[in-house]
Protein backbone atom coordinates (compact mmCIF):
# COMPACT_ATOMS: atom_id res chain seq x y z
CA MET A 1 24.56 134.43 -15.24
CA ASN A 2 26.24 132.40 -17.69
CA ASN A 3 28.69 129.61 -16.30
CA LYS A 4 28.34 129.88 -12.82
CA LEU A 5 31.31 127.55 -12.09
CA LYS A 6 34.44 129.72 -11.46
CA ILE A 7 37.44 128.02 -10.62
CA ILE A 8 40.32 129.63 -8.51
CA THR A 9 43.51 127.74 -7.40
CA SER A 10 44.91 130.22 -4.81
CA LEU A 11 46.08 127.53 -2.35
CA PHE A 12 47.75 124.42 -3.52
CA VAL A 13 46.06 122.41 -0.46
CA PHE A 14 43.00 122.07 -2.62
CA LEU A 15 44.35 120.77 -5.60
CA LEU A 16 44.25 117.58 -3.57
CA LEU A 17 40.66 117.41 -4.35
CA LEU A 18 41.49 117.87 -8.27
CA ASN A 19 43.92 114.85 -7.81
CA CYS A 20 41.16 112.71 -6.13
CA GLN A 21 43.74 110.57 -4.69
CA ASN A 22 42.76 107.17 -3.44
CA GLU A 23 45.11 106.98 -0.62
CA GLU A 24 44.33 105.20 2.67
CA VAL A 25 42.45 107.45 5.18
CA GLY A 26 42.67 106.93 8.82
CA LEU A 27 39.58 107.75 10.93
CA ASP A 28 40.37 109.35 14.70
CA THR A 29 37.75 108.02 16.82
CA GLU A 30 39.00 109.96 19.82
CA SER A 31 36.90 113.03 20.77
CA GLY A 32 39.74 114.81 21.74
CA SER A 33 40.36 116.63 18.62
CA VAL A 34 37.06 117.52 17.79
CA ALA A 35 36.64 118.82 21.42
CA ASN A 36 39.55 121.27 20.37
CA ALA A 37 38.14 122.39 17.27
CA LYS A 38 34.95 123.20 18.82
CA LYS A 39 36.71 125.34 21.58
CA TRP A 40 39.27 127.28 19.15
CA LEU A 41 35.64 128.21 17.21
CA GLU A 42 33.84 129.57 20.41
CA ILE A 43 37.02 131.43 21.46
CA ASN A 44 38.10 133.07 18.01
CA LYS A 45 34.62 133.42 16.48
CA PRO A 46 35.75 133.72 12.83
CA LYS A 47 33.05 135.60 11.01
CA LEU A 48 32.21 132.78 8.55
CA GLN A 49 29.30 133.55 6.03
CA ALA A 50 27.77 129.86 6.29
CA LEU A 51 27.23 130.42 9.97
CA ASP A 52 24.57 133.28 8.98
CA TYR A 53 22.69 130.12 7.08
CA THR A 54 23.42 127.84 10.01
CA LYS A 55 20.59 126.34 12.11
CA GLU A 56 22.91 124.03 14.05
CA ILE A 57 26.60 123.15 14.00
CA ASP A 58 26.40 119.21 14.21
CA TRP A 59 29.38 118.49 16.53
CA LYS A 60 27.93 115.08 17.45
CA ASN A 61 28.76 113.85 14.03
CA ALA A 62 32.12 115.69 13.43
CA PHE A 63 34.70 113.52 12.57
CA VAL A 64 38.69 113.33 11.55
CA THR A 65 40.43 111.94 8.97
CA TYR A 66 44.41 112.30 8.07
CA GLY A 67 46.39 112.54 5.26
CA ASP A 68 49.13 114.54 3.16
CA GLU A 69 47.80 117.83 4.66
CA GLY A 70 47.81 115.92 8.39
CA LYS A 71 45.01 116.18 10.54
CA VAL A 72 41.35 117.80 9.52
CA VAL A 73 38.25 118.02 11.51
CA GLU A 74 35.12 118.25 9.21
CA VAL A 75 31.84 119.21 11.18
CA PRO A 76 28.24 118.66 9.18
CA LEU A 77 25.92 121.97 9.04
CA VAL A 78 22.28 122.01 9.13
CA LEU A 79 21.18 124.36 7.38
CA VAL A 80 18.14 126.96 7.43
CA ALA A 81 15.33 126.01 5.27
CA ASN A 82 15.54 126.49 1.49
CA THR A 83 19.09 127.90 1.88
CA SER A 84 20.70 127.49 -1.82
CA THR A 85 23.77 128.53 -3.36
CA ASN A 86 24.44 129.73 -7.19
CA VAL A 87 27.37 127.78 -7.65
CA VAL A 88 25.13 126.14 -10.53
CA ASP A 89 21.75 127.29 -12.03
CA ASP A 90 19.67 124.51 -11.32
CA SER A 91 16.89 124.29 -8.77
CA SER A 92 17.04 120.52 -8.63
CA TYR A 93 20.44 120.71 -7.13
CA LYS A 94 20.69 120.70 -3.18
CA THR A 95 23.18 122.39 -0.76
CA HIS A 96 25.17 120.91 1.79
CA MET A 97 27.85 122.55 4.14
CA ARG A 98 30.78 121.42 6.51
CA LEU A 99 33.19 123.22 8.59
CA LEU A 100 36.57 121.75 7.45
CA PHE A 101 39.53 122.56 10.31
CA MET A 102 43.04 122.07 9.74
CA GLU A 103 45.14 121.79 12.73
CA ASP A 104 49.12 123.42 12.37
CA LYS A 105 52.00 121.77 14.74
CA ASN A 106 51.20 124.25 17.18
CA GLY A 107 47.44 123.15 17.74
CA ALA A 108 46.35 126.35 16.05
CA TYR A 109 43.66 125.98 13.51
CA LYS A 110 42.68 127.13 9.78
CA VAL A 111 39.07 127.04 9.23
CA TYR A 112 37.18 126.57 5.90
CA THR A 113 33.80 125.80 4.47
CA ILE A 114 32.98 122.99 2.05
CA VAL A 115 29.97 123.70 0.08
CA ILE A 116 28.66 120.49 -1.34
CA THR A 117 26.06 120.87 -4.26
CA THR A 118 24.23 117.75 -5.87
CA LYS A 119 21.14 116.35 -7.24
CA ASP A 120 21.52 113.20 -4.98
CA LEU A 121 18.73 113.56 -2.67
CA SER A 122 20.36 110.61 -0.53
CA PHE A 123 23.33 112.45 -0.06
CA ASP A 124 24.46 112.32 3.64
CA ASN A 125 26.63 115.11 5.15
CA LYS A 126 27.51 113.19 8.01
CA ASN A 127 29.12 110.14 5.74
CA LYS A 128 32.61 109.69 7.16
CA GLU A 129 33.87 108.25 3.82
CA PHE A 130 33.16 111.47 2.10
CA ASN A 131 35.42 113.68 3.26
CA PHE A 132 38.25 116.29 2.45
CA TYR A 133 40.77 113.68 1.04
CA GLU A 134 38.45 111.10 -0.51
CA VAL A 135 35.74 112.18 -2.64
CA ASP A 136 32.67 108.96 -2.86
CA SER A 137 33.24 107.15 -6.07
CA ASP A 138 29.30 107.58 -6.92
CA TYR A 139 29.72 111.51 -6.05
CA SER A 140 28.07 113.93 -8.59
CA GLY A 141 28.08 117.51 -8.52
CA TYR A 142 29.99 120.14 -7.17
CA LEU A 143 32.43 120.85 -4.11
CA THR A 144 33.08 124.62 -3.34
CA LEU A 145 35.72 126.00 -0.61
CA GLN A 146 35.80 128.79 1.24
CA ASN A 147 38.52 130.33 3.32
CA SER A 148 37.56 132.17 6.61
CA LYS A 149 37.74 135.51 4.83
CA ASN A 150 34.69 134.23 2.89
CA LYS A 151 36.59 134.07 -0.27
CA ILE A 152 36.09 130.91 -2.79
CA LEU A 153 39.33 129.37 -3.31
CA TYR A 154 37.87 126.16 -5.02
CA SER A 155 34.71 125.35 -6.96
CA GLY A 156 35.19 122.24 -9.32
CA LYS A 157 32.61 119.93 -11.02
CA TYR A 158 32.42 116.01 -10.32
CA GLU A 159 30.71 112.92 -11.84
CA LYS A 160 31.24 109.84 -10.40
CA GLY A 161 33.86 111.06 -7.87
CA LYS A 162 36.29 112.46 -10.68
CA ARG A 163 36.80 115.92 -11.58
CA ILE A 164 35.74 116.86 -15.16
CA SER A 165 37.30 119.71 -17.05
CA THR A 166 35.06 122.81 -17.14
CA PRO A 167 36.91 125.24 -19.80
CA ARG A 168 35.35 128.13 -20.53
CA LYS A 169 33.27 128.53 -24.20
CA GLY A 170 34.18 130.41 -27.11
CA ASN A 171 37.54 132.93 -27.51
CA ASN A 172 35.81 136.15 -26.91
CA VAL A 173 35.31 135.55 -22.86
CA THR A 174 36.99 138.44 -21.10
CA ALA A 175 38.83 138.50 -17.75
CA LYS A 176 36.61 139.97 -15.07
CA TRP A 177 35.26 139.46 -11.63
CA VAL A 178 31.96 138.11 -11.16
CA CYS A 179 29.48 136.63 -8.34
CA SER A 180 30.47 133.13 -7.82
CA TYR A 181 28.83 132.58 -4.67
CA MET A 182 25.31 133.78 -3.85
CA VAL A 183 23.43 132.62 -0.68
CA THR A 184 19.40 132.73 -0.96
CA VAL A 185 17.17 132.15 2.45
CA GLY A 186 13.49 132.80 1.40
CA THR A 187 13.41 136.35 -0.34
CA TYR A 188 16.83 137.41 1.16
CA THR A 189 19.86 137.19 -1.57
CA THR A 190 23.26 138.15 -0.87
CA CYS A 191 26.69 137.90 -2.78
CA SER A 192 29.44 137.35 -0.88
CA ASN A 193 31.89 136.63 -2.89
CA TRP A 194 33.29 138.01 -6.19
CA VAL A 195 35.73 135.79 -8.11
CA TRP A 196 38.17 135.88 -11.47
CA VAL A 197 36.55 134.66 -14.65
CA PHE A 198 39.70 133.90 -16.75
CA ASP A 199 40.56 134.95 -20.19
CA PRO A 200 41.27 131.94 -22.17
CA ASN A 201 44.13 133.82 -23.72
CA ASP A 202 45.50 135.09 -20.01
CA PRO A 203 48.42 133.23 -18.08
CA GLU A 204 46.13 133.03 -15.09
CA TRP A 205 43.82 130.95 -17.11
CA LEU A 206 46.39 128.62 -18.14
CA LEU A 207 46.95 127.93 -14.70
CA VAL A 208 44.08 126.26 -14.62
CA LYS A 209 43.86 124.91 -18.26
CA TRP A 210 46.96 123.31 -18.34
CA GLY A 211 47.52 122.34 -14.34
CA TRP A 212 50.28 124.75 -13.49
CA ASN A 213 50.83 125.37 -9.89
CA SER A 214 51.74 129.20 -9.83
CA LEU A 215 52.33 131.86 -12.05
CA ASP A 216 56.18 131.47 -11.64
CA ASP A 217 55.62 127.72 -13.62
CA TYR A 218 54.06 129.79 -16.20
CA ASN A 219 57.07 132.50 -16.06
CA ASN A 220 60.04 130.02 -15.64
CA THR A 221 58.33 128.34 -19.22
CA TYR A 222 57.40 131.53 -21.17
CA GLY A 223 59.19 134.50 -19.51
CA GLY A 224 56.77 137.17 -18.29
CA GLY A 225 56.85 138.41 -14.67
CA GLU A 226 56.08 141.80 -15.57
CA GLY A 227 53.74 143.59 -12.86
CA ASN A 228 52.86 142.29 -9.77
CA SER A 229 53.21 138.05 -9.14
CA ASP A 230 50.08 137.60 -7.08
CA PRO A 231 47.06 137.25 -9.27
CA PHE A 232 44.72 137.42 -6.41
CA PRO A 233 45.73 140.09 -4.39
CA ASP A 234 44.12 140.10 -0.85
CA PRO A 235 42.98 143.64 -0.14
CA CYS A 236 43.43 142.98 3.88
CA GLU A 237 46.99 142.51 3.12
CA ILE A 238 47.01 145.73 0.66
CA SER A 239 45.76 147.71 4.03
CA LYS A 240 48.24 146.47 5.79
CA LYS A 241 51.40 147.61 3.48
CA THR A 242 49.69 150.80 2.77
CA THR A 243 49.68 151.93 6.38
CA LEU A 244 53.27 151.10 6.74
CA ILE A 245 54.06 153.30 3.84
CA SER A 246 51.98 156.01 5.62
CA GLN A 247 53.87 155.77 9.10
CA ASP A 248 57.02 156.49 7.48
CA SER A 249 58.69 160.02 8.23
CA ASP A 250 59.28 160.86 4.66
CA TYR A 251 55.80 159.91 3.76
CA LEU A 252 54.96 162.38 6.59
CA SER A 253 57.27 164.95 5.54
CA ALA A 254 55.98 164.70 2.10
CA LYS A 255 52.23 164.89 2.96
CA ASN A 256 53.08 167.81 5.15
CA THR A 257 54.69 169.78 2.31
CA ILE A 258 51.64 169.49 -0.05
CA MET A 259 49.44 170.26 2.55
CA ASN A 260 51.23 173.49 3.40
CA ALA A 261 51.41 174.50 -0.31
CA SER A 262 47.76 173.40 -1.05
CA THR A 263 46.51 176.83 0.46
CA ASP A 264 47.17 178.48 -3.14
CA GLY A 265 44.10 176.47 -4.19
CA LEU A 266 46.17 174.24 -6.64
CA GLU A 267 47.42 170.60 -6.96
CA HIS A 268 50.55 169.49 -5.80
CA SER A 269 52.44 166.37 -6.16
CA ILE A 270 55.60 164.42 -4.32
CA THR A 271 56.83 161.14 -5.47
CA LEU A 272 58.20 158.61 -2.83
CA GLY A 273 61.48 156.34 -4.05
CA ARG A 274 63.94 153.94 -2.63
CA GLY A 275 67.73 154.31 -3.10
CA ALA A 276 70.49 151.95 -3.02
CA SER A 277 70.27 151.48 0.49
CA SER A 278 66.41 150.67 0.65
CA GLU A 279 66.35 153.88 2.47
CA VAL A 280 62.76 156.16 1.26
CA THR A 281 63.75 159.39 -0.67
CA GLN A 282 61.42 162.17 -1.97
CA SER A 283 61.32 163.99 -5.53
CA PRO A 284 60.90 167.84 -5.63
CA MET A 285 57.25 168.92 -5.22
CA ASN A 286 55.74 169.45 -8.42
CA SER A 287 52.84 172.35 -8.71
CA GLY A 288 50.09 171.85 -11.11
CA GLY A 289 46.65 173.79 -11.69
CA PRO A 290 43.14 173.63 -9.62
CA VAL A 291 42.69 170.00 -11.25
CA ASN A 292 45.81 168.28 -12.07
CA VAL A 293 49.18 167.81 -11.72
CA VAL A 294 52.22 165.90 -13.32
CA THR A 295 53.46 163.13 -11.00
CA ASN A 296 57.72 162.71 -11.28
CA THR A 297 58.42 159.31 -12.55
CA THR A 298 61.96 159.91 -12.72
CA LEU A 299 62.86 159.48 -9.10
CA PRO A 300 65.02 156.04 -8.54
CA GLY A 301 62.90 153.08 -7.17
CA ALA A 302 59.76 155.29 -7.32
CA PHE A 303 56.94 153.38 -5.29
CA ALA A 304 54.32 155.82 -4.32
CA GLY A 305 52.84 159.39 -5.41
CA LEU A 306 50.72 161.68 -3.20
CA HIS A 307 48.78 164.65 -4.53
CA ASN A 308 45.80 166.90 -3.08
CA HIS A 309 42.58 167.70 -4.27
CA PRO A 310 41.94 171.46 -3.36
CA ASN A 311 38.67 171.37 -4.66
CA ASN A 312 37.61 168.79 -2.11
CA GLY A 313 36.65 165.97 -4.58
CA PRO A 314 36.78 162.49 -4.33
CA ILE A 315 39.04 160.05 -6.08
CA SER A 316 38.63 160.87 -9.72
CA ALA A 317 38.50 158.66 -13.06
CA GLY A 318 41.59 160.22 -13.68
CA ASP A 319 43.32 159.14 -10.58
CA ILE A 320 42.67 155.52 -11.48
CA TYR A 321 43.75 155.86 -15.01
CA ALA A 322 46.94 157.51 -14.19
CA ALA A 323 47.66 154.88 -11.23
CA VAL A 324 47.83 152.18 -13.90
CA LYS A 325 50.23 154.36 -16.16
CA LEU A 326 52.43 154.97 -13.61
CA ASN A 327 52.78 151.27 -12.53
CA GLU A 328 53.37 150.53 -16.29
CA LYS A 329 56.70 152.60 -16.15
CA SER A 330 58.03 151.47 -13.16
CA THR A 331 57.19 148.06 -11.75
CA ASN A 332 57.30 149.24 -7.94
CA PHE A 333 54.93 151.90 -8.35
CA THR A 334 51.88 150.75 -7.04
CA THR A 335 50.45 153.29 -4.66
CA SER A 336 48.86 156.79 -5.12
CA PHE A 337 47.86 158.59 -2.33
CA VAL A 338 45.25 161.66 -2.57
CA PHE A 339 44.48 163.79 0.11
CA THR A 340 40.94 165.58 0.02
CA ASN A 341 38.56 167.10 2.35
CA GLY A 342 40.79 166.51 5.64
CA ASP A 343 41.12 162.60 4.66
CA THR A 344 43.69 160.31 2.94
CA TYR A 345 42.23 157.97 0.43
CA ALA A 346 44.93 155.61 -1.75
CA ILE A 347 44.72 153.46 -4.94
CA VAL A 348 46.74 150.39 -5.10
CA ILE A 349 47.73 148.52 -8.13
CA GLY A 350 47.46 144.93 -7.01
CA ASP A 351 47.39 143.10 -10.38
CA LEU A 352 48.95 145.18 -12.88
CA ARG A 353 47.54 142.52 -16.05
CA ALA A 354 44.29 142.49 -14.69
CA ALA A 355 44.29 146.93 -14.35
CA GLN A 356 45.59 147.02 -17.93
CA SER A 357 42.86 144.53 -19.05
CA PHE A 358 40.13 146.76 -17.34
CA VAL A 359 41.78 149.65 -19.10
CA ASN A 360 41.71 148.45 -22.70
CA GLU A 361 38.44 147.37 -22.44
CA TYR A 362 36.96 150.34 -20.88
CA PRO A 363 39.52 153.22 -21.75
CA ALA A 364 38.77 156.27 -20.32
CA ASP A 365 36.77 159.45 -21.94
CA GLN A 366 38.23 162.20 -22.42
CA LEU A 367 37.58 165.79 -24.59
CA PRO A 368 40.75 168.23 -25.25
CA GLY A 369 41.28 169.95 -22.04
CA MET A 370 39.18 167.94 -19.76
CA ASN A 371 40.59 165.30 -17.07
CA PRO A 372 39.68 161.83 -18.15
CA GLU A 373 36.20 160.43 -16.96
CA PHE A 374 34.98 156.87 -17.16
CA PRO A 375 33.02 155.61 -19.85
CA ASP A 376 29.24 155.89 -19.64
CA VAL A 377 28.31 152.62 -18.71
CA LEU A 378 30.93 152.53 -15.67
CA PHE A 379 30.12 156.18 -14.95
CA ASP A 380 26.03 156.05 -15.17
CA GLU A 381 26.17 152.74 -12.66
CA MET A 382 28.35 155.09 -10.24
CA GLN A 383 26.01 157.69 -10.47
CA ARG A 384 22.98 155.36 -9.94
CA LEU A 385 24.53 153.70 -6.82
CA VAL A 386 25.43 156.95 -4.87
CA THR A 387 21.66 157.17 -4.27
CA TYR A 388 22.19 154.28 -2.15
CA THR A 389 25.67 154.97 -0.79
CA GLY A 390 25.27 158.56 -0.46
CA SER A 391 26.85 161.67 -1.86
CA SER A 392 29.67 162.02 0.39
CA ILE A 393 33.01 161.71 -0.77
CA GLU A 394 33.12 158.22 1.24
CA GLY A 395 29.72 157.36 -0.39
CA LYS A 396 30.76 158.30 -3.85
CA THR A 397 33.77 156.31 -3.41
CA MET A 398 31.76 153.07 -2.34
CA ALA A 399 29.77 153.72 -5.04
CA MET A 400 33.35 153.64 -7.14
CA SER A 401 34.89 150.52 -5.59
CA TYR A 402 32.11 148.44 -6.17
CA VAL A 403 31.22 149.26 -9.47
CA LEU A 404 35.08 148.87 -10.85
CA HIS A 405 35.00 145.46 -8.85
CA GLN A 406 32.36 144.30 -10.71
CA TYR A 407 35.01 144.43 -13.94
CA THR A 408 38.42 143.81 -12.18
CA TYR A 409 40.25 143.58 -8.93
CA GLY A 410 43.46 144.86 -10.36
CA PHE A 411 43.11 147.93 -8.25
CA THR A 412 42.11 148.63 -4.71
CA ILE A 413 40.61 151.78 -3.21
CA LEU A 414 41.66 152.36 0.75
CA LYS A 415 40.61 155.17 3.05
CA GLN A 416 42.95 156.05 6.14
CA GLN A 417 41.10 155.91 9.62
CA THR A 418 41.15 157.71 12.27
CA ASN A 419 43.59 155.25 14.01
CA GLY A 420 45.65 155.98 11.05
CA GLU A 421 45.36 152.77 9.52
CA PHE A 422 43.87 152.19 6.02
CA LYS A 423 41.14 149.96 5.02
CA ALA A 424 40.45 148.67 1.87
CA ILE A 425 36.94 149.85 0.62
CA GLU A 426 35.11 146.54 -0.06
CA VAL A 427 31.57 146.67 -0.49
CA GLU A 428 29.08 143.84 -0.29
CA LYS A 429 25.80 144.17 -2.02
CA SER A 430 22.61 142.60 -0.42
CA LYS A 431 18.95 142.58 -0.53
CA ASN A 432 16.24 143.65 1.81
CA PRO A 433 13.01 141.48 1.79
CA ASP A 434 11.16 144.08 -0.27
CA GLY A 435 13.88 143.89 -2.80
CA SER A 436 15.51 147.24 -2.08
CA GLU A 437 19.21 146.99 -2.32
CA ILE A 438 21.79 147.49 0.42
CA TYR A 439 25.44 148.22 0.19
CA THR A 440 27.93 147.88 3.03
CA LEU A 441 31.41 147.97 3.61
CA THR A 442 33.05 144.54 3.96
CA PRO A 443 35.61 144.60 7.06
CA CYS A 444 38.78 142.72 7.19
CA ASN A 445 39.05 139.84 9.58
């Protein structure tokens, strides 16, 4: 993999590291803050990826610093032997990790993982002078920050305590999601994070290149703002929003209408919209053929479409490509529900620009009179993964979601659980000691 360093500026708090501010930092000699952080961790038990590779949480060498973002507690981790990351492709770099606890005014914590990657064999992970607010002037290497949902928030390269610019090379770099953080212990390797590699001509890349703090800064300068404004959609938040839609009485009414009509073996579709007072409205039901139906796109305030698969097949390539077109026609039309074999799935466009980029780079293969299909490079890989995920509808959907997320996170695929909640189908790949592949669902925290 070329250019392993990936940069994401999702949270402004971590831009402090970009600036390497030389402000005066105070050290808290009291043990109370450390004890409180330890107690919080023991009670809340966040599922931090780093702890899977931790031999010991070194509480006795924990310390507290103060700065613009208030009080933070840093705790060195003693890692399992031979633990490394792919932050950089060079075995001479060694990996160190810390937990970082950021306390709010109510005494609650947000916890992050700091990954320190350096060639400096004398680096002391217990050094209090090297901390969240101040990078040591002699430090050279990489700093990577991961949140409690095990997502990379920031990764930067440093020389002599200063962040150096790492622009993408060439003009043909395409925007896509790639593995940015892979952990290896012995023969076991797992990729825990997929992050966005920016296209040099894309507004999101310009956020990094020119130092804007948000897409609003870009849009205020150059206009834009089409589609959804969040460049890093959170699948867990998308799951919650999709669940709320499915609890609305008009959604339930539309679903019942479609399912009652589906006994004729045809596809049927209803669009949901919002009226002038934000009340949910329904379009008349459209009826189609055995494998296709036209979606109503003229309903004012359209935001979701519902249709059935009478052949009990999984979400199709046509459903994916159609979801992008629907969002292109209406900014708020981001959600498509699919009823099949007694289950309900959903496709949500979280980032229209990213979804459009994917469609442009991987247009559908379509023969006259046939439904769209994924191009061979995607279709073949999905078929290969089915041998691991299974040939059930859920297994095929897992394979689809995993493959698509190698190229874009513009859309999220979800499944409704037996308790009524929708869960994003986020799939993680790992390997057994014998090298065989494993694909598992990643739950929301």
